[in-house]
Amino acid sequence: MTLHRRPHGAEHRSRDYTAAMNPKPQPNRRRYIEVLRGMTPEQRLLKALELGEFSRELFRTGLKERFPDLTDSQLQALYVKRLAKCHNRNY
């Protein structure tokens, strides 16, 4: 592996690609990163699982509001069908 070094005295210019790709302001992002770094690996995993469950519930709620006339079984079938479209097919 080759290490690439900047010439002596060269300034380090980090590029903020996040700002270029996401125009939405994120005033609390720095604090959020600090909190995550202060967590144990177990706490971060639990938080990731919690956020995943929250996302699924939000998705289900949105489907219920968009298709109020569907039965529970029809809604579940639609949820599974739509969720399948979101999965990465590269593996």
C-alpha atoms as a PDB file:
ATOM      1  CA  MET A   1       0.000   0.000   0.000  1.00  0.00           C
ATOM      2  CA  THR A   2       1.395   3.387  -0.961  1.00  0.00           C
ATOM      3  CA  LEU A   3       0.859   6.359   1.304  1.00  0.00           C
ATOM      4  CA  HIS A   4       0.372   9.656  -0.448  1.00  0.00           C
ATOM      5  CA  ARG A   5       1.640  12.658   1.432  1.00  0.00           C
ATOM      6  CA  ARG A   6       1.152  16.329   0.822  1.00  0.00           C
ATOM      7  CA  PRO A   7       4.253  18.350   0.077  1.00  0.00           C
ATOM      8  CA  HIS A   8       5.745  19.999   3.149  1.00  0.00           C
ATOM      9  CA  GLY A   9       3.817  23.159   3.934  1.00  0.00           C
ATOM     10  CA  ALA A  10       0.861  22.292   1.702  1.00  0.00           C
ATOM     11  CA  GLU A  11      -2.495  23.179   3.182  1.00  0.00           C
ATOM     12  CA  HIS A  12      -5.009  20.469   3.832  1.00  0.00           C
ATOM     13  CA  ARG A  13      -8.254  21.343   2.128  1.00  0.00           C
ATOM     14  CA  SER A  14     -11.009  18.964   3.104  1.00  0.00           C
ATOM     15  CA  ARG A  15     -13.959  19.013   0.792  1.00  0.00           C
ATOM     16  CA  ASP A  16     -17.411  19.020   2.270  1.00  0.00           C
ATOM     17  CA  TYR A  17     -19.179  16.735  -0.188  1.00  0.00           C
ATOM     18  CA  THR A  18     -22.141  16.410   2.175  1.00  0.00           C
ATOM     19  CA  ALA A  19     -23.084  20.048   1.731  1.00  0.00           C
ATOM     20  CA  ALA A  20     -22.865  19.777  -2.043  1.00  0.00           C
ATOM     21  CA  MET A  21     -25.087  16.696  -2.187  1.00  0.00           C
ATOM     22  CA  ASN A  22     -27.573  17.718   0.507  1.00  0.00           C
ATOM     23  CA  PRO A  23     -28.824  21.307   0.294  1.00  0.00           C
ATOM     24  CA  LYS A  24     -30.899  20.932   3.476  1.00  0.00           C
ATOM     25  CA  PRO A  25     -29.336  22.777   6.435  1.00  0.00           C
ATOM     26  CA  GLN A  26     -28.161  20.532   9.273  1.00  0.00           C
ATOM     27  CA  PRO A  27     -27.445  22.865  12.173  1.00  0.00           C
ATOM     28  CA  ASN A  28     -27.151  20.064  14.746  1.00  0.00           C
ATOM     29  CA  ARG A  29     -25.068  17.618  12.714  1.00  0.00           C
ATOM     30  CA  ARG A  30     -21.805  18.324  14.545  1.00  0.00           C
ATOM     31  CA  ARG A  31     -23.493  17.729  17.915  1.00  0.00           C
ATOM     32  CA  TYR A  32     -25.128  14.551  16.587  1.00  0.00           C
ATOM     33  CA  ILE A  33     -21.720  13.196  15.521  1.00  0.00           C
ATOM     34  CA  GLU A  34     -20.283  14.045  18.946  1.00  0.00           C
ATOM     35  CA  VAL A  35     -23.088  12.148  20.675  1.00  0.00           C
ATOM     36  CA  LEU A  36     -22.586   9.127  18.420  1.00  0.00           C
ATOM     37  CA  ARG A  37     -18.846   9.109  19.110  1.00  0.00           C
ATOM     38  CA  GLY A  38     -19.564   9.157  22.835  1.00  0.00           C
ATOM     39  CA  MET A  39     -21.675   5.999  22.609  1.00  0.00           C
ATOM     40  CA  THR A  40     -20.418   2.485  23.063  1.00  0.00           C
ATOM     41  CA  PRO A  41     -20.618   0.162  20.050  1.00  0.00           C
ATOM     42  CA  GLU A  42     -23.578  -1.589  21.688  1.00  0.00           C
ATOM     43  CA  GLN A  43     -25.410   1.721  22.168  1.00  0.00           C
ATOM     44  CA  ARG A  44     -24.794   2.689  18.533  1.00  0.00           C
ATOM     45  CA  LEU A  45     -26.113  -0.665  17.338  1.00  0.00           C
ATOM     46  CA  LEU A  46     -29.237  -0.321  19.470  1.00  0.00           C
ATOM     47  CA  LYS A  47     -29.757   3.215  18.134  1.00  0.00           C
ATOM     48  CA  ALA A  48     -29.405   1.972  14.538  1.00  0.00           C
ATOM     49  CA  LEU A  49     -31.972  -0.763  15.173  1.00  0.00           C
ATOM     50  CA  GLU A  50     -34.303   1.763  16.804  1.00  0.00           C
ATOM     51  CA  LEU A  51     -33.992   4.127  13.837  1.00  0.00           C
ATOM     52  CA  GLY A  52     -34.682   1.256  11.436  1.00  0.00           C
ATOM     53  CA  GLU A  53     -37.852   0.308  13.297  1.00  0.00           C
ATOM     54  CA  PHE A  54     -38.927   3.961  13.382  1.00  0.00           C
ATOM     55  CA  SER A  55     -38.417   4.215   9.615  1.00  0.00           C
ATOM     56  CA  ARG A  56     -40.512   1.117   8.971  1.00  0.00           C
ATOM     57  CA  GLU A  57     -43.323   2.396  11.195  1.00  0.00           C
ATOM     58  CA  LEU A  58     -43.230   5.759   9.446  1.00  0.00           C
ATOM     59  CA  PHE A  59     -43.429   3.967   6.089  1.00  0.00           C
ATOM     60  CA  ARG A  60     -46.408   1.875   7.251  1.00  0.00           C
ATOM     61  CA  THR A  61     -48.183   4.961   8.581  1.00  0.00           C
ATOM     62  CA  GLY A  62     -47.671   6.751   5.281  1.00  0.00           C
ATOM     63  CA  LEU A  63     -49.128   3.804   3.362  1.00  0.00           C
ATOM     64  CA  LYS A  64     -52.157   3.723   5.678  1.00  0.00           C
ATOM     65  CA  GLU A  65     -52.784   7.406   5.081  1.00  0.00           C
ATOM     66  CA  ARG A  66     -52.320   7.092   1.342  1.00  0.00           C
ATOM     67  CA  PHE A  67     -54.474   3.963   1.004  1.00  0.00           C
ATOM     68  CA  PRO A  68     -57.079   4.240   3.803  1.00  0.00           C
ATOM     69  CA  ASP A  69     -59.498   1.758   2.191  1.00  0.00           C
ATOM     70  CA  LEU A  70     -57.098  -1.221   2.206  1.00  0.00           C
ATOM     71  CA  THR A  71     -57.605  -4.031   4.689  1.00  0.00           C
ATOM     72  CA  ASP A  72     -54.790  -4.928   7.082  1.00  0.00           C
ATOM     73  CA  SER A  73     -53.758  -7.888   4.941  1.00  0.00           C
ATOM     74  CA  GLN A  74     -53.808  -5.795   1.749  1.00  0.00           C
ATOM     75  CA  LEU A  75     -51.809  -3.096   3.478  1.00  0.00           C
ATOM     76  CA  GLN A  76     -49.243  -5.665   4.658  1.00  0.00           C
ATOM     77  CA  ALA A  77     -48.935  -7.067   1.125  1.00  0.00           C
ATOM     78  CA  LEU A  78     -48.420  -3.565  -0.270  1.00  0.00           C
ATOM     79  CA  TYR A  79     -45.868  -2.805   2.467  1.00  0.00           C
ATOM     80  CA  VAL A  80     -43.853  -5.946   1.657  1.00  0.00           C
ATOM     81  CA  LYS A  81     -44.036  -5.252  -2.086  1.00  0.00           C
ATOM     82  CA  ARG A  82     -42.866  -1.649  -1.698  1.00  0.00           C
ATOM     83  CA  LEU A  83     -40.182  -2.588   0.811  1.00  0.00           C
ATOM     84  CA  ALA A  84     -38.795  -5.203  -1.589  1.00  0.00           C
ATOM     85  CA  LYS A  85     -38.185  -2.418  -4.107  1.00  0.00           C
ATOM     86  CA  CYS A  86     -35.927  -0.656  -1.606  1.00  0.00           C
ATOM     87  CA  HIS A  87     -33.481  -3.500  -0.982  1.00  0.00           C
ATOM     88  CA  ASN A  88     -30.053  -3.453  -2.548  1.00  0.00           C
ATOM     89  CA  ARG A  89     -29.891  -6.098  -5.247  1.00  0.00           C
ATOM     90  CA  ASN A  90     -26.087  -6.098  -5.455  1.00  0.00           C
ATOM     91  CA  TYR A  91     -25.608  -9.023  -3.100  1.00  0.00           C
END
